Amino acid sequence: MDVRLSPFTAHMTSETVLDPVTRSLSSVNRHAQPESEGVTTRRTWLSAGARAGLASGLVLQIVLIHLIDQDWFAFAKDPSYVQTGYIMIEVTGVIAAGLLLVRRNWWLWLATLGLGAGPLFGFILSRSVGMPNYRDDIGNWSEPLGVASVIVECAVMLLAMRPLLDTWRQRQF
């Protein structure tokens, strides 16, 4: 019996039969189901397509939050580097959201992770120590739009981490 293990393995079970090559791997996922080719994969609560669709929708929420914060298309956020950051988030967010629906690869998931991490980092900086010529929001942690932004950005980062970790694990073996 040829048993191949996926890089997603996590738990060792006594029911698993291992050949000498796969014995060197430290763990076997007890929830794995063999596919038609004999390769085991990990069951997930969210399929790749559903994950991409959800991430796409959440990225569009990030774009929407930033459009609302800058008074839609007024483009009057001061200082100008903050406005430039907002425009970059909005343009790359729309592009990434569209691409996530038609294509999924590691660099797109990395960009999605950045679309969550970048604005979150800016939020933390602007609320804590402030940024050059931008100290209006220091201590303003409970602004409703900011709180919504943090929640959505964290969700996007969590959704993007799984495919990136899966890709990294596949390249390790």
C-alpha atoms as a PDB file:
ATOM      1  CA  MET A   1       0.000   0.000   0.000  1.00  0.00           C
ATOM      2  CA  ASP A   2       1.510   3.293  -1.130  1.00  0.00           C
ATOM      3  CA  VAL A   3       0.653   6.062   1.338  1.00  0.00           C
ATOM      4  CA  ARG A   4       1.816   9.562   0.513  1.00  0.00           C
ATOM      5  CA  LEU A   5       1.528  12.361   3.033  1.00  0.00           C
ATOM      6  CA  SER A   6       0.742  15.964   2.321  1.00  0.00           C
ATOM      7  CA  PRO A   7       2.834  18.764   3.809  1.00  0.00           C
ATOM      8  CA  PHE A   8      -0.231  19.752   5.835  1.00  0.00           C
ATOM      9  CA  THR A   9       0.117  16.836   8.220  1.00  0.00           C
ATOM     10  CA  ALA A  10      -0.315  17.673  11.870  1.00  0.00           C
ATOM     11  CA  HIS A  11      -1.211  14.663  14.084  1.00  0.00           C
ATOM     12  CA  MET A  12       0.200  11.137  14.444  1.00  0.00           C
ATOM     13  CA  THR A  13      -2.352   8.343  14.631  1.00  0.00           C
ATOM     14  CA  SER A  14      -1.930   4.679  15.384  1.00  0.00           C
ATOM     15  CA  GLU A  15      -4.187   3.730  12.444  1.00  0.00           C
ATOM     16  CA  THR A  16      -1.830   5.196   9.882  1.00  0.00           C
ATOM     17  CA  VAL A  17       0.330   2.782   7.928  1.00  0.00           C
ATOM     18  CA  LEU A  18       3.626   4.370   6.935  1.00  0.00           C
ATOM     19  CA  ASP A  19       6.189   3.117   4.481  1.00  0.00           C
ATOM     20  CA  PRO A  20       9.895   3.689   5.294  1.00  0.00           C
ATOM     21  CA  VAL A  21      10.103   6.928   3.307  1.00  0.00           C
ATOM     22  CA  THR A  22       7.118   8.581   4.938  1.00  0.00           C
ATOM     23  CA  ARG A  23       8.077   7.362   8.424  1.00  0.00           C
ATOM     24  CA  SER A  24      10.662  10.123   8.517  1.00  0.00           C
ATOM     25  CA  LEU A  25       7.904  12.706   8.556  1.00  0.00           C
ATOM     26  CA  SER A  26       7.028  13.588  12.108  1.00  0.00           C
ATOM     27  CA  SER A  27       3.249  13.620  11.890  1.00  0.00           C
ATOM     28  CA  VAL A  28       0.150  12.492  10.042  1.00  0.00           C
ATOM     29  CA  ASN A  29      -3.168  14.319   9.958  1.00  0.00           C
ATOM     30  CA  ARG A  30      -5.848  12.126  11.483  1.00  0.00           C
ATOM     31  CA  HIS A  31      -8.549  13.948   9.519  1.00  0.00           C
ATOM     32  CA  ALA A  32      -6.966  13.269   6.138  1.00  0.00           C
ATOM     33  CA  GLN A  33      -9.035  11.567   3.464  1.00  0.00           C
ATOM     34  CA  PRO A  34      -7.290   9.789   0.569  1.00  0.00           C
ATOM     35  CA  GLU A  35      -7.973  11.264  -2.854  1.00  0.00           C
ATOM     36  CA  SER A  36      -8.236   9.256  -6.030  1.00  0.00           C
ATOM     37  CA  GLU A  37      -4.468   9.390  -6.613  1.00  0.00           C
ATOM     38  CA  GLY A  38      -3.717   8.123  -3.115  1.00  0.00           C
ATOM     39  CA  VAL A  39      -2.540  11.519  -1.856  1.00  0.00           C
ATOM     40  CA  THR A  40      -3.912  12.656   1.472  1.00  0.00           C
ATOM     41  CA  THR A  41      -4.989  16.222   1.982  1.00  0.00           C
ATOM     42  CA  ARG A  42      -6.223  18.153   4.959  1.00  0.00           C
ATOM     43  CA  ARG A  43      -9.900  18.922   5.267  1.00  0.00           C
ATOM     44  CA  THR A  44     -10.639  22.592   5.707  1.00  0.00           C
ATOM     45  CA  TRP A  45     -13.723  24.426   6.777  1.00  0.00           C
ATOM     46  CA  LEU A  46     -13.324  26.814   3.848  1.00  0.00           C
ATOM     47  CA  SER A  47     -12.549  25.807   0.258  1.00  0.00           C
ATOM     48  CA  ALA A  48      -9.930  27.682  -1.744  1.00  0.00           C
ATOM     49  CA  GLY A  49     -12.590  29.381  -3.867  1.00  0.00           C
ATOM     50  CA  ALA A  50     -14.656  30.388  -0.861  1.00  0.00           C
ATOM     51  CA  ARG A  51     -11.530  31.686   0.891  1.00  0.00           C
ATOM     52  CA  ALA A  52     -10.629  33.773  -2.159  1.00  0.00           C
ATOM     53  CA  GLY A  53     -14.179  35.094  -2.502  1.00  0.00           C
ATOM     54  CA  LEU A  54     -14.337  36.042   1.166  1.00  0.00           C
ATOM     55  CA  ALA A  55     -10.902  37.666   1.022  1.00  0.00           C
ATOM     56  CA  SER A  56     -11.919  39.564  -2.112  1.00  0.00           C
ATOM     57  CA  GLY A  57     -15.020  40.916  -0.394  1.00  0.00           C
ATOM     58  CA  LEU A  58     -13.063  41.914   2.695  1.00  0.00           C
ATOM     59  CA  VAL A  59     -10.408  43.674   0.605  1.00  0.00           C
ATOM     60  CA  LEU A  60     -13.208  45.656  -1.036  1.00  0.00           C
ATOM     61  CA  GLN A  61     -14.406  46.535   2.478  1.00  0.00           C
ATOM     62  CA  ILE A  62     -10.936  47.943   3.235  1.00  0.00           C
ATOM     63  CA  VAL A  63     -11.202  50.032   0.072  1.00  0.00           C
ATOM     64  CA  LEU A  64     -14.689  51.221   1.035  1.00  0.00           C
ATOM     65  CA  ILE A  65     -13.607  52.169   4.570  1.00  0.00           C
ATOM     66  CA  HIS A  66     -10.727  54.229   3.217  1.00  0.00           C
ATOM     67  CA  LEU A  67     -12.954  55.920   0.639  1.00  0.00           C
ATOM     68  CA  ILE A  68     -15.416  56.867   3.383  1.00  0.00           C
ATOM     69  CA  ASP A  69     -12.597  58.113   5.626  1.00  0.00           C
ATOM     70  CA  GLN A  70     -11.248  60.430   2.935  1.00  0.00           C
ATOM     71  CA  ASP A  71     -14.752  61.752   2.134  1.00  0.00           C
ATOM     72  CA  TRP A  72     -15.186  59.552  -0.941  1.00  0.00           C
ATOM     73  CA  PHE A  73     -13.387  61.018  -3.927  1.00  0.00           C
ATOM     74  CA  ALA A  74     -12.484  64.387  -2.385  1.00  0.00           C
ATOM     75  CA  PHE A  75      -8.794  63.389  -2.185  1.00  0.00           C
ATOM     76  CA  ALA A  76      -8.220  66.051   0.462  1.00  0.00           C
ATOM     77  CA  LYS A  77      -6.495  64.030   3.181  1.00  0.00           C
ATOM     78  CA  ASP A  78      -3.579  65.949   4.691  1.00  0.00           C
ATOM     79  CA  PRO A  79      -0.640  65.474   4.642  1.00  0.00           C
ATOM     80  CA  SER A  80      -0.230  64.439   1.020  1.00  0.00           C
ATOM     81  CA  TYR A  81       1.702  61.230   1.801  1.00  0.00           C
ATOM     82  CA  VAL A  82      -1.293  59.952   3.776  1.00  0.00           C
ATOM     83  CA  GLN A  83      -3.547  60.705   0.785  1.00  0.00           C
ATOM     84  CA  THR A  84      -1.098  58.881  -1.485  1.00  0.00           C
ATOM     85  CA  GLY A  85      -1.229  55.870   0.846  1.00  0.00           C
ATOM     86  CA  TYR A  86      -5.020  55.902   0.735  1.00  0.00           C
ATOM     87  CA  ILE A  87      -5.015  55.989  -3.072  1.00  0.00           C
ATOM     88  CA  MET A  88      -2.508  53.127  -3.200  1.00  0.00           C
ATOM     89  CA  ILE A  89      -4.691  51.043  -0.855  1.00  0.00           C
ATOM     90  CA  GLU A  90      -7.782  51.767  -2.942  1.00  0.00           C
ATOM     91  CA  VAL A  91      -6.274  51.049  -6.362  1.00  0.00           C
ATOM     92  CA  THR A  92      -4.322  47.942  -5.351  1.00  0.00           C
ATOM     93  CA  GLY A  93      -7.287  46.736  -3.309  1.00  0.00           C
ATOM     94  CA  VAL A  94      -9.651  46.810  -6.284  1.00  0.00           C
ATOM     95  CA  ILE A  95      -7.081  45.085  -8.507  1.00  0.00           C
ATOM     96  CA  ALA A  96      -6.293  42.400  -5.904  1.00  0.00           C
ATOM     97  CA  ALA A  97      -9.983  41.784  -5.160  1.00  0.00           C
ATOM     98  CA  GLY A  98     -10.657  41.191  -8.850  1.00  0.00           C
ATOM     99  CA  LEU A  99      -7.622  38.977  -9.351  1.00  0.00           C
ATOM    100  CA  LEU A 100      -8.454  36.851  -6.301  1.00  0.00           C
ATOM    101  CA  LEU A 101     -11.672  35.810  -8.006  1.00  0.00           C
ATOM    102  CA  VAL A 102     -10.003  34.583 -11.189  1.00  0.00           C
ATOM    103  CA  ARG A 103      -6.516  33.539 -10.119  1.00  0.00           C
ATOM    104  CA  ARG A 104      -4.926  32.431  -6.888  1.00  0.00           C
ATOM    105  CA  ASN A 105      -1.203  32.142  -6.381  1.00  0.00           C
ATOM    106  CA  TRP A 106       1.247  32.920  -3.613  1.00  0.00           C
ATOM    107  CA  TRP A 107       2.195  36.432  -4.746  1.00  0.00           C
ATOM    108  CA  LEU A 108      -1.447  37.480  -4.903  1.00  0.00           C
ATOM    109  CA  TRP A 109      -2.028  36.142  -1.396  1.00  0.00           C
ATOM    110  CA  LEU A 110       1.105  38.006  -0.289  1.00  0.00           C
ATOM    111  CA  ALA A 111      -0.307  41.227  -1.771  1.00  0.00           C
ATOM    112  CA  THR A 112      -3.580  40.536   0.037  1.00  0.00           C
ATOM    113  CA  LEU A 113      -1.695  40.074   3.290  1.00  0.00           C
ATOM    114  CA  GLY A 114      -0.014  43.427   2.630  1.00  0.00           C
ATOM    115  CA  LEU A 115      -3.377  45.071   2.000  1.00  0.00           C
ATOM    116  CA  GLY A 116      -4.361  44.059   5.507  1.00  0.00           C
ATOM    117  CA  ALA A 117      -1.037  44.699   7.231  1.00  0.00           C
ATOM    118  CA  GLY A 118      -0.178  48.058   5.633  1.00  0.00           C
ATOM    119  CA  PRO A 119      -3.278  49.981   6.693  1.00  0.00           C
ATOM    120  CA  LEU A 120      -3.215  48.284  10.112  1.00  0.00           C
ATOM    121  CA  PHE A 121       0.377  49.436  10.613  1.00  0.00           C
ATOM    122  CA  GLY A 122      -0.628  52.976   9.550  1.00  0.00           C
ATOM    123  CA  PHE A 123      -3.565  52.910  11.963  1.00  0.00           C
ATOM    124  CA  ILE A 124      -1.349  51.856  14.867  1.00  0.00           C
ATOM    125  CA  LEU A 125       1.266  54.499  14.029  1.00  0.00           C
ATOM    126  CA  SER A 126      -1.258  57.314  13.614  1.00  0.00           C
ATOM    127  CA  ARG A 127      -3.023  56.451  16.886  1.00  0.00           C
ATOM    128  CA  SER A 128       0.076  55.861  19.004  1.00  0.00           C
ATOM    129  CA  VAL A 129       3.117  58.057  18.277  1.00  0.00           C
ATOM    130  CA  GLY A 130       1.681  59.866  15.289  1.00  0.00           C
ATOM    131  CA  MET A 131       3.308  60.467  11.930  1.00  0.00           C
ATOM    132  CA  PRO A 132       5.106  63.546  10.589  1.00  0.00           C
ATOM    133  CA  ASN A 133       2.605  66.413  10.193  1.00  0.00           C
ATOM    134  CA  TYR A 134      -0.224  64.007  11.107  1.00  0.00           C
ATOM    135  CA  ARG A 135      -0.964  64.029  14.798  1.00  0.00           C
ATOM    136  CA  ASP A 136      -4.745  64.579  14.704  1.00  0.00           C
ATOM    137  CA  ASP A 137      -5.610  60.972  15.543  1.00  0.00           C
ATOM    138  CA  ILE A 138      -3.205  60.301  18.419  1.00  0.00           C
ATOM    139  CA  GLY A 139      -5.165  58.451  21.113  1.00  0.00           C
ATOM    140  CA  ASN A 140      -8.296  58.149  18.935  1.00  0.00           C
ATOM    141  CA  TRP A 141      -8.457  54.355  19.231  1.00  0.00           C
ATOM    142  CA  SER A 142     -12.237  54.038  19.457  1.00  0.00           C
ATOM    143  CA  GLU A 143     -13.260  55.824  16.254  1.00  0.00           C
ATOM    144  CA  PRO A 144     -15.946  53.505  14.748  1.00  0.00           C
ATOM    145  CA  LEU A 145     -14.517  53.598  11.227  1.00  0.00           C
ATOM    146  CA  GLY A 146     -11.047  52.835  12.590  1.00  0.00           C
ATOM    147  CA  VAL A 147     -12.320  49.912  14.663  1.00  0.00           C
ATOM    148  CA  ALA A 148     -14.151  48.491  11.631  1.00  0.00           C
ATOM    149  CA  SER A 149     -10.978  48.896   9.600  1.00  0.00           C
ATOM    150  CA  VAL A 150      -8.889  47.009  12.172  1.00  0.00           C
ATOM    151  CA  ILE A 151     -11.373  44.128  12.293  1.00  0.00           C
ATOM    152  CA  VAL A 152     -11.533  43.781   8.508  1.00  0.00           C
ATOM    153  CA  GLU A 153      -7.756  44.106   8.072  1.00  0.00           C
ATOM    154  CA  CYS A 154      -7.102  41.408  10.678  1.00  0.00           C
ATOM    155  CA  ALA A 155      -9.621  39.111   8.983  1.00  0.00           C
ATOM    156  CA  VAL A 156      -7.924  39.660   5.607  1.00  0.00           C
ATOM    157  CA  MET A 157      -4.531  38.861   7.093  1.00  0.00           C
ATOM    158  CA  LEU A 158      -5.834  35.671   8.701  1.00  0.00           C
ATOM    159  CA  LEU A 159      -7.435  34.538   5.427  1.00  0.00           C
ATOM    160  CA  ALA A 160      -4.251  35.247   3.460  1.00  0.00           C
ATOM    161  CA  MET A 161      -1.923  33.473   5.876  1.00  0.00           C
ATOM    162  CA  ARG A 162      -3.288  29.968   5.266  1.00  0.00           C
ATOM    163  CA  PRO A 163      -2.550  29.787   1.510  1.00  0.00           C
ATOM    164  CA  LEU A 164       0.857  31.385   2.106  1.00  0.00           C
ATOM    165  CA  LEU A 165       1.719  28.858   4.819  1.00  0.00           C
ATOM    166  CA  ASP A 166       0.476  25.999   2.633  1.00  0.00           C
ATOM    167  CA  THR A 167       2.695  27.203  -0.223  1.00  0.00           C
ATOM    168  CA  TRP A 168       5.672  27.515   2.115  1.00  0.00           C
ATOM    169  CA  ARG A 169       5.111  24.016   3.504  1.00  0.00           C
ATOM    170  CA  GLN A 170       4.860  22.523   0.004  1.00  0.00           C
ATOM    171  CA  ARG A 171       8.198  24.054  -0.915  1.00  0.00           C
ATOM    172  CA  GLN A 172       9.820  22.663   2.228  1.00  0.00           C
ATOM    173  CA  PHE A 173       9.268  19.008   1.214  1.00  0.00           C
END
